[in-house]
Amino acid sequence: MNANVNPKTIFTGDNLPIMRGMNSESVDLIYLDPPFNSNANYAAPIGSEAAGAEFKDTWTLNDVDAAWLDLIEAKHPALNRVIHAAMTNSDKSYLIYMAIRLLEMHRILKPTGSLYLHCDPTMSHYLKLIMDSVFGKSNFRREIIWNLETASGFKSQVKGFIRGHDTILYYTKGRDFLFNKIFQPHKPEYIKRFRKTDKDGRRYRDDRPNKRRQYLDETQGVAFTDVWTDIMSFQQHSTSKERTGYPTQKPLALLDRIIKASSNEADIVLDPFCGCATTLVAADRLQRDWIGIDISAKAAELVVERIRGDQGMFEDIVPRVDIPKRTDLGNIPRYNAPENKTQLYGEQAGNCNGCGEHFQTQHLEIDHIIAESVGGTDHIENLQLLCSHCNRIKGNRGQEYLISRLNER
């Protein structure tokens, strides 16, 4: 499916309506490092490259969240059950926020595509269940453990066992997924086995039972496992030249590995929580096309600064603050077409999809479930019938707003 967003585009805004405006099956790889529900607020220090970047990671359940849960229950009952298993209202609010976004990520991912979700033990167990519901349990590939421990005793003052890793949940859209096996160099003790050198200076060994020469440069190295201990975090390497001061920045080497493994050159990589733009810089280095989204305008500044500093040139980076328009729905009738009203009247049994009251067809009005202003389309699945009273309450907002207002009564 053709993408409707140009490569090297950085959006500023809420990623949910922006992703809603992207064509289905248009992205090859998604990496996301979302808030972790850590009950903390983050801000880059004054004077750092990322100064001005900040985000909230505290969550409280509100009426709009509850309305979203009603919409999820109607179309995704398994996902609804997972969210209801949350222990606190804060957890439930966070999972609702993540669930509605992961549903969009699943839609825009190509059938051969992959998604890597970076998290920590705070919510990783719940997020895996959310991902099982959205992507299917059979499409879970690996739980990658990224080791954060340092020899100097990272957070040694903490009582009990010290947290020494982050978790990256790796899922694919389906069984026929792209994966490039990557290898790490052989350990010195293995290299020492190649004791001999031929006339061209190539190291080899011939001490195996078949006595055939095995050349060191013909071995691929050691395939990576799902435990990654060779990439330092910024807690371990606080003086790294990469460091921008962004509070949750990840190293380029981490994204380099993920992008190499699950995409090819010219593939499209999306980071919907791109922060200080590490994913975009890594993708650009590897000749991938990329799209970034972040709620903070600082991300748009950082991607330009970092790619220019990394490559010594100004790339044709496209900053946007609008919502893209989908081009993959074909020729569909305008939302208020008579045939839509006839179909919806039958599906809703003549009841208003807000208050639930029964009306004759002339007293019901066609309306969008997801508002056009936030990426909603005229596709029949995004349409409903409302009585004039409910339609006035809802206005040009989403259905979750109407439900929350009706629940107040």
Protein backbone atom coordinates (compact mmCIF):
# COMPACT_ATOMS: atom_id res chain seq x y z
CA MET A 1 0.00 0.00 0.00
CA ASN A 2 1.36 3.44 -0.89
CA ALA A 3 2.11 5.79 1.96
CA ASN A 4 0.34 9.15 2.10
CA VAL A 5 3.08 10.80 4.16
CA ASN A 6 6.36 11.84 2.59
CA PRO A 7 9.60 10.32 3.93
CA LYS A 8 11.58 12.38 6.45
CA THR A 9 8.45 13.95 7.95
CA ILE A 10 8.33 15.05 11.59
CA PHE A 11 4.86 15.77 13.03
CA THR A 12 4.23 17.87 16.11
CA GLY A 13 1.03 16.89 17.87
CA ASP A 14 -0.91 14.03 19.46
CA ASN A 15 0.11 10.86 17.66
CA LEU A 16 -3.40 9.33 17.75
CA PRO A 17 -5.13 11.60 15.18
CA ILE A 18 -1.96 11.72 13.09
CA MET A 19 -1.78 7.93 12.87
CA ARG A 20 -5.50 7.83 12.10
CA GLY A 21 -4.74 9.94 9.06
CA MET A 22 -2.07 7.54 7.76
CA ASN A 23 -2.88 4.90 5.15
CA SER A 24 -3.29 1.31 6.26
CA GLU A 25 -0.34 -1.06 5.73
CA SER A 26 2.05 1.77 4.87
CA VAL A 27 4.82 1.35 7.49
CA ASP A 28 7.51 -1.37 7.64
CA LEU A 29 8.80 -0.95 11.21
CA ILE A 30 7.54 0.81 14.34
CA TYR A 31 9.66 1.49 17.40
CA LEU A 32 8.07 3.25 20.34
CA ASP A 33 9.43 4.34 23.69
CA PRO A 34 6.24 5.68 25.28
CA PRO A 35 5.68 6.93 28.83
CA PHE A 36 6.02 4.04 31.29
CA ASN A 37 3.37 5.08 33.86
CA SER A 38 6.24 5.89 36.21
CA ASN A 39 4.25 8.48 38.20
CA ALA A 40 6.89 11.09 37.44
CA ASN A 41 7.25 14.20 35.30
CA TYR A 42 10.32 14.65 33.10
CA ALA A 43 12.10 17.73 31.75
CA ALA A 44 15.44 18.25 30.05
CA PRO A 45 17.86 20.38 32.10
CA ILE A 46 18.31 24.05 31.23
CA GLY A 47 21.31 24.55 28.98
CA SER A 48 21.16 21.08 27.41
CA GLU A 49 20.55 20.48 23.73
CA ALA A 50 17.03 19.25 24.52
CA ALA A 51 16.15 22.07 26.94
CA GLY A 52 12.44 22.79 26.71
CA ALA A 53 11.44 19.16 26.18
CA GLU A 54 9.19 17.78 28.90
CA PHE A 55 6.39 15.30 29.38
CA LYS A 56 4.04 14.06 32.07
CA ASP A 57 4.03 10.40 33.08
CA THR A 58 1.26 10.49 35.67
CA TRP A 59 -2.19 9.11 34.87
CA THR A 60 -5.65 9.52 36.39
CA LEU A 61 -8.85 7.93 35.13
CA ASN A 62 -11.31 10.49 33.79
CA ASP A 63 -14.66 10.50 32.00
CA VAL A 64 -13.07 10.53 28.55
CA ASP A 65 -10.99 7.45 29.43
CA ALA A 66 -14.15 5.66 30.56
CA ALA A 67 -15.84 6.59 27.30
CA TRP A 68 -12.91 5.21 25.33
CA LEU A 69 -13.30 1.98 27.29
CA ASP A 70 -16.95 1.78 26.20
CA LEU A 71 -15.86 2.09 22.57
CA ILE A 72 -13.14 -0.54 23.02
CA GLU A 73 -15.64 -2.90 24.65
CA ALA A 74 -17.94 -2.67 21.62
CA LYS A 75 -15.30 -3.69 19.05
CA HIS A 76 -12.44 -5.33 20.99
CA PRO A 77 -13.82 -7.40 23.89
CA ALA A 78 -10.53 -9.23 24.59
CA LEU A 79 -8.71 -5.92 24.85
CA ASN A 80 -11.43 -4.62 27.13
CA ARG A 81 -10.95 -7.56 29.51
CA VAL A 82 -7.21 -6.88 29.78
CA ILE A 83 -7.77 -3.23 30.65
CA HIS A 84 -10.32 -4.14 33.31
CA ALA A 85 -7.71 -6.41 34.92
CA ALA A 86 -5.63 -3.35 35.85
CA MET A 87 -5.14 -2.96 39.59
CA THR A 88 -5.57 0.82 39.85
CA ASN A 89 -7.41 3.59 38.03
CA SER A 90 -4.04 5.08 37.08
CA ASP A 91 -3.01 1.80 35.43
CA LYS A 92 -6.36 1.57 33.66
CA SER A 93 -6.07 5.11 32.31
CA TYR A 94 -2.57 4.41 31.01
CA LEU A 95 -3.62 1.15 29.33
CA ILE A 96 -6.57 2.83 27.61
CA TYR A 97 -4.20 5.50 26.29
CA MET A 98 -1.82 2.84 24.95
CA ALA A 99 -4.51 0.47 23.62
CA ILE A 100 -6.20 2.94 21.29
CA ARG A 101 -2.81 3.93 19.86
CA LEU A 102 -1.58 0.36 19.43
CA LEU A 103 -4.75 -0.44 17.48
CA GLU A 104 -3.80 2.28 14.99
CA MET A 105 -0.20 1.06 14.84
CA HIS A 106 -1.41 -2.42 13.99
CA ARG A 107 -3.56 -0.99 11.17
CA ILE A 108 -0.80 1.07 9.56
CA LEU A 109 1.85 -1.67 9.81
CA LYS A 110 2.50 -3.70 6.65
CA PRO A 111 1.75 -7.46 6.73
CA THR A 112 5.53 -8.12 6.82
CA GLY A 113 6.15 -5.42 9.43
CA SER A 114 7.40 -5.47 13.02
CA LEU A 115 6.81 -3.43 16.16
CA TYR A 116 9.20 -2.98 19.10
CA LEU A 117 7.70 -1.52 22.28
CA HIS A 118 10.24 -0.27 24.83
CA CYS A 119 9.08 -0.43 28.46
CA ASP A 120 10.21 -1.24 31.98
CA PRO A 121 8.83 -3.52 34.72
CA THR A 122 6.28 -0.90 35.80
CA MET A 123 3.77 -1.92 33.12
CA SER A 124 5.53 -4.48 30.90
CA HIS A 125 3.32 -7.36 32.10
CA TYR A 126 0.11 -5.47 31.28
CA LEU A 127 1.49 -4.16 27.99
CA LYS A 128 2.30 -7.69 26.86
CA LEU A 129 -1.34 -8.69 27.38
CA ILE A 130 -2.47 -5.57 25.50
CA MET A 131 -0.11 -6.50 22.66
CA ASP A 132 -1.33 -10.11 22.66
CA SER A 133 -4.89 -8.78 22.26
CA VAL A 134 -4.03 -6.34 19.46
CA PHE A 135 -1.45 -8.33 17.47
CA GLY A 136 -2.41 -11.87 18.44
CA LYS A 137 -0.52 -14.05 20.88
CA SER A 138 1.01 -16.07 18.03
CA ASN A 139 2.71 -12.94 16.67
CA PHE A 140 4.74 -12.35 19.82
CA ARG A 141 8.37 -12.98 18.84
CA ARG A 142 10.65 -12.10 21.74
CA GLU A 143 10.96 -10.25 25.01
CA ILE A 144 14.30 -8.50 24.59
CA ILE A 145 16.20 -7.72 27.76
CA TRP A 146 18.41 -4.64 27.51
CA ASN A 147 20.92 -4.76 30.37
CA LEU A 148 21.38 -1.44 32.22
CA GLU A 149 23.59 -2.64 35.08
CA THR A 150 26.98 -1.03 35.70
CA ALA A 151 30.05 -2.39 37.38
CA SER A 152 30.14 0.66 39.65
CA GLY A 153 26.93 -0.32 41.44
CA PHE A 154 24.10 1.50 39.68
CA LYS A 155 21.65 2.77 42.32
CA SER A 156 23.41 0.73 44.98
CA GLN A 157 21.51 2.61 47.69
CA VAL A 158 18.23 0.91 46.71
CA LYS A 159 16.96 -1.65 49.23
CA GLY A 160 16.56 -5.09 47.66
CA PHE A 161 17.55 -6.26 44.18
CA ILE A 162 18.57 -3.46 41.82
CA ARG A 163 16.65 -3.10 38.57
CA GLY A 164 19.20 -3.76 35.87
CA HIS A 165 17.23 -3.91 32.63
CA ASP A 166 14.58 -2.47 30.36
CA THR A 167 12.22 -4.67 28.34
CA ILE A 168 11.52 -4.42 24.61
CA LEU A 169 8.44 -6.35 23.45
CA TYR A 170 8.89 -7.52 19.86
CA TYR A 171 5.79 -8.40 17.80
CA THR A 172 5.12 -8.86 14.10
CA LYS A 173 1.98 -8.20 12.07
CA GLY A 174 1.91 -11.80 10.84
CA ARG A 175 3.93 -14.95 10.26
CA ASP A 176 5.53 -13.79 7.00
CA PHE A 177 7.69 -11.06 8.52
CA LEU A 178 10.98 -9.48 7.52
CA PHE A 179 13.99 -10.34 9.66
CA ASN A 180 17.68 -9.88 8.90
CA LYS A 181 19.81 -12.00 11.22
CA ILE A 182 22.64 -9.91 12.61
CA PHE A 183 25.82 -11.08 14.30
CA GLN A 184 28.25 -9.82 16.90
CA PRO A 185 32.03 -10.30 16.57
CA HIS A 186 33.60 -13.50 17.84
CA LYS A 187 35.07 -13.42 21.32
CA PRO A 188 38.90 -13.30 21.60
CA GLU A 189 39.09 -16.86 22.91
CA TYR A 190 37.35 -18.10 19.76
CA ILE A 191 39.58 -16.06 17.44
CA LYS A 192 42.67 -17.60 19.08
CA ARG A 193 41.67 -20.98 17.66
CA PHE A 194 42.58 -19.71 14.18
CA ARG A 195 46.30 -20.05 14.78
CA LYS A 196 47.56 -20.32 11.20
CA THR A 197 47.89 -17.76 8.42
CA ASP A 198 47.96 -18.46 4.68
CA LYS A 199 50.06 -16.62 2.07
CA ASP A 200 47.40 -13.92 1.76
CA GLY A 201 47.42 -13.22 5.48
CA ARG A 202 44.06 -14.91 6.16
CA ARG A 203 43.73 -16.65 9.49
CA TYR A 204 42.48 -20.23 9.49
CA ARG A 205 42.32 -23.43 11.45
CA ASP A 206 42.61 -27.05 10.29
CA ASP A 207 42.54 -28.89 13.59
CA ARG A 208 39.01 -30.19 13.25
CA PRO A 209 38.35 -33.90 12.51
CA ASN A 210 37.78 -33.33 8.77
CA LYS A 211 41.08 -31.32 8.54
CA ARG A 212 39.43 -28.91 6.08
CA ARG A 213 40.55 -25.33 6.47
CA GLN A 214 38.10 -23.04 8.17
CA TYR A 215 38.85 -19.36 7.59
CA LEU A 216 38.05 -16.78 10.24
CA ASP A 217 36.78 -14.26 7.69
CA GLU A 218 34.22 -16.78 6.42
CA THR A 219 32.51 -17.15 9.78
CA GLN A 220 29.54 -14.90 10.44
CA GLY A 221 30.14 -14.21 14.08
CA VAL A 222 27.77 -15.00 16.93
CA ALA A 223 24.04 -14.47 16.43
CA PHE A 224 22.48 -12.15 18.99
CA THR A 225 20.21 -13.60 21.63
CA ASP A 226 17.30 -11.73 23.23
CA VAL A 227 19.55 -10.50 26.07
CA TRP A 228 21.57 -7.47 25.01
CA THR A 229 24.49 -6.66 27.31
CA ASP A 230 26.81 -4.86 24.90
CA ILE A 231 24.99 -1.50 24.51
CA MET A 232 25.57 1.03 27.26
CA SER A 233 22.78 3.23 28.53
CA PHE A 234 23.38 6.89 29.31
CA GLN A 235 23.43 6.04 33.01
CA GLN A 236 26.51 3.98 32.18
CA HIS A 237 27.99 6.42 29.69
CA SER A 238 27.04 9.85 30.93
CA THR A 239 29.73 11.64 28.90
CA SER A 240 28.61 10.27 25.52
CA LYS A 241 28.73 12.78 22.68
CA GLU A 242 25.25 11.60 21.68
CA ARG A 243 23.70 12.85 24.88
CA THR A 244 21.25 15.72 24.32
CA GLY A 245 19.90 16.00 27.86
CA TYR A 246 16.53 14.53 26.89
CA PRO A 247 15.38 12.67 30.02
CA THR A 248 14.61 9.27 28.46
CA GLN A 249 17.09 9.30 25.56
CA LYS A 250 18.20 5.92 24.18
CA PRO A 251 21.56 5.25 22.47
CA LEU A 252 21.87 5.13 18.69
CA ALA A 253 23.40 1.64 18.89
CA LEU A 254 20.16 0.27 20.32
CA LEU A 255 18.04 1.63 17.47
CA ASP A 256 20.69 0.71 14.92
CA ARG A 257 20.33 -2.96 15.89
CA ILE A 258 16.54 -2.95 15.77
CA ILE A 259 16.39 -1.13 12.43
CA LYS A 260 18.98 -3.41 10.80
CA ALA A 261 17.18 -6.53 12.01
CA SER A 262 13.64 -5.62 10.96
CA SER A 263 13.91 -3.37 7.90
CA ASN A 264 15.78 -2.92 4.64
CA GLU A 265 17.03 0.20 2.89
CA ALA A 266 14.21 2.50 1.70
CA ASP A 267 11.72 0.89 4.12
CA ILE A 268 9.61 3.24 6.23
CA VAL A 269 10.39 3.43 9.97
CA LEU A 270 7.89 5.14 12.29
CA ASP A 271 8.51 6.39 15.82
CA PRO A 272 5.25 7.80 17.24
CA PHE A 273 6.92 8.98 20.49
CA CYS A 274 10.14 10.18 18.88
CA GLY A 275 11.33 12.50 21.70
CA CYS A 276 14.90 13.53 20.92
CA ALA A 277 14.70 11.78 17.51
CA THR A 278 17.22 8.96 18.09
CA THR A 279 15.16 6.53 15.96
CA LEU A 280 15.02 9.02 13.11
CA VAL A 281 18.76 9.71 13.21
CA ALA A 282 19.55 5.98 13.23
CA ALA A 283 17.11 5.32 10.37
CA ASP A 284 18.58 8.16 8.33
CA ARG A 285 22.11 6.80 8.80
CA LEU A 286 20.94 3.41 7.51
CA GLN A 287 19.23 4.84 4.41
CA ARG A 288 15.73 4.11 5.65
CA ASP A 289 12.82 6.47 5.14
CA TRP A 290 11.32 7.66 8.39
CA ILE A 291 8.36 9.39 10.00
CA GLY A 292 8.42 10.83 13.51
CA ILE A 293 5.67 12.13 15.80
CA ASP A 294 5.99 13.89 19.13
CA ILE A 295 3.71 16.05 21.24
CA SER A 296 6.58 18.47 21.88
CA ALA A 297 7.78 20.87 19.19
CA LYS A 298 11.31 20.33 20.55
CA ALA A 299 11.48 17.00 18.70
CA ALA A 300 11.14 18.76 15.34
CA GLU A 301 14.07 21.02 16.24
CA LEU A 302 16.23 18.16 17.50
CA VAL A 303 15.82 15.95 14.43
CA VAL A 304 17.07 18.75 12.17
CA GLU A 305 19.95 19.61 14.49
CA ARG A 306 21.01 16.01 15.07
CA ILE A 307 20.86 14.86 11.44
CA ARG A 308 22.67 17.97 10.27
CA GLY A 309 25.33 17.45 12.95
CA ASP A 310 25.56 13.73 12.19
CA GLN A 311 25.90 14.01 8.41
CA GLY A 312 27.16 17.54 7.92
CA MET A 313 24.32 18.53 5.62
CA PHE A 314 20.76 19.77 5.69
CA GLU A 315 18.29 17.10 4.68
CA ASP A 316 14.90 17.74 3.13
CA ILE A 317 13.09 17.26 6.43
CA VAL A 318 9.37 18.10 6.39
CA PRO A 319 7.92 19.55 9.63
CA ARG A 320 4.13 19.27 9.90
CA VAL A 321 1.47 20.18 12.47
CA ASP A 322 -1.60 19.06 10.48
CA ILE A 323 -3.34 15.68 10.27
CA PRO A 324 -2.73 13.74 7.03
CA LYS A 325 -5.66 12.67 4.86
CA ARG A 326 -5.99 8.99 4.02
CA THR A 327 -5.93 8.07 0.33
CA ASP A 328 -6.45 4.31 0.67
CA LEU A 329 -10.20 4.11 1.19
CA GLY A 330 -11.17 4.20 -2.50
CA ASN A 331 -14.32 5.85 -3.76
CA ILE A 332 -16.65 5.98 -0.79
CA PRO A 333 -19.84 8.06 -0.60
CA ARG A 334 -19.93 11.29 1.37
CA TYR A 335 -20.77 10.62 5.02
CA ASN A 336 -24.37 11.95 4.75
CA ALA A 337 -25.28 9.89 1.67
CA PRO A 338 -28.82 8.36 1.86
CA GLU A 339 -27.48 4.80 1.43
CA ASN A 340 -25.36 5.25 4.57
CA LYS A 341 -28.40 6.31 6.56
CA THR A 342 -30.39 3.29 5.37
CA GLN A 343 -27.61 0.87 6.32
CA LEU A 344 -26.96 2.46 9.70
CA TYR A 345 -30.65 2.57 10.59
CA GLY A 346 -30.81 -1.19 10.14
CA GLU A 347 -27.57 -1.84 12.05
CA GLN A 348 -28.66 0.32 15.00
CA ALA A 349 -32.25 -0.96 14.93
CA GLY A 350 -33.44 2.63 14.75
CA ASN A 351 -31.82 3.60 18.06
CA CYS A 352 -29.67 6.67 18.66
CA ASN A 353 -26.07 5.57 19.21
CA GLY A 354 -25.78 8.06 22.06
CA CYS A 355 -28.79 8.01 24.36
CA GLY A 356 -30.11 4.70 22.97
CA GLU A 357 -33.65 6.00 22.39
CA HIS A 358 -35.63 4.75 19.37
CA PHE A 359 -36.51 7.26 16.64
CA GLN A 360 -38.01 7.24 13.18
CA THR A 361 -35.39 7.59 10.45
CA GLN A 362 -36.13 11.26 9.71
CA HIS A 363 -35.28 12.19 13.30
CA LEU A 364 -31.79 10.63 13.24
CA GLU A 365 -28.69 12.32 11.84
CA ILE A 366 -25.53 10.79 10.37
CA ASP A 367 -22.43 11.63 12.37
CA HIS A 368 -18.78 10.58 12.63
CA ILE A 369 -17.68 8.38 15.54
CA ILE A 370 -14.12 9.70 15.30
CA ALA A 371 -14.37 13.36 14.34
CA GLU A 372 -12.97 14.52 11.01
CA SER A 373 -10.88 17.10 12.87
CA VAL A 374 -8.85 14.32 14.49
CA GLY A 375 -8.44 11.97 11.55
CA GLY A 376 -11.91 10.42 11.27
CA THR A 377 -12.98 9.32 7.79
CA ASP A 378 -16.29 8.91 5.91
CA HIS A 379 -15.90 5.13 5.92
CA ILE A 380 -19.12 3.40 7.02
CA GLU A 381 -17.35 1.87 10.04
CA ASN A 382 -16.73 5.40 11.34
CA LEU A 383 -20.34 6.53 10.97
CA GLN A 384 -23.35 6.36 13.28
CA LEU A 385 -26.85 7.75 13.72
CA LEU A 386 -27.55 10.19 16.54
CA CYS A 387 -30.68 12.03 17.56
CA SER A 388 -30.47 15.79 17.12
CA HIS A 389 -30.05 16.33 20.87
CA CYS A 390 -27.03 13.98 21.14
CA ASN A 391 -25.56 15.37 17.94
CA ARG A 392 -25.68 18.91 19.35
CA ILE A 393 -23.93 17.78 22.55
CA LYS A 394 -21.22 16.00 20.59
CA GLY A 395 -20.63 18.79 18.08
CA ASN A 396 -17.40 18.29 16.12
CA ARG A 397 -15.77 16.20 18.86
CA GLY A 398 -15.28 12.45 19.11
CA GLN A 399 -17.84 9.92 20.34
CA GLU A 400 -15.91 9.50 23.56
CA TYR A 401 -16.82 13.11 24.46
CA LEU A 402 -20.53 12.43 23.93
CA ILE A 403 -20.43 9.28 26.06
CA SER A 404 -18.61 11.07 28.86
CA ARG A 405 -21.20 13.88 28.85
CA LEU A 406 -24.12 11.46 28.85
CA ASN A 407 -22.54 9.53 31.74
CA GLU A 408 -22.51 12.71 33.82
CA ARG A 409 -26.30 12.70 33.97
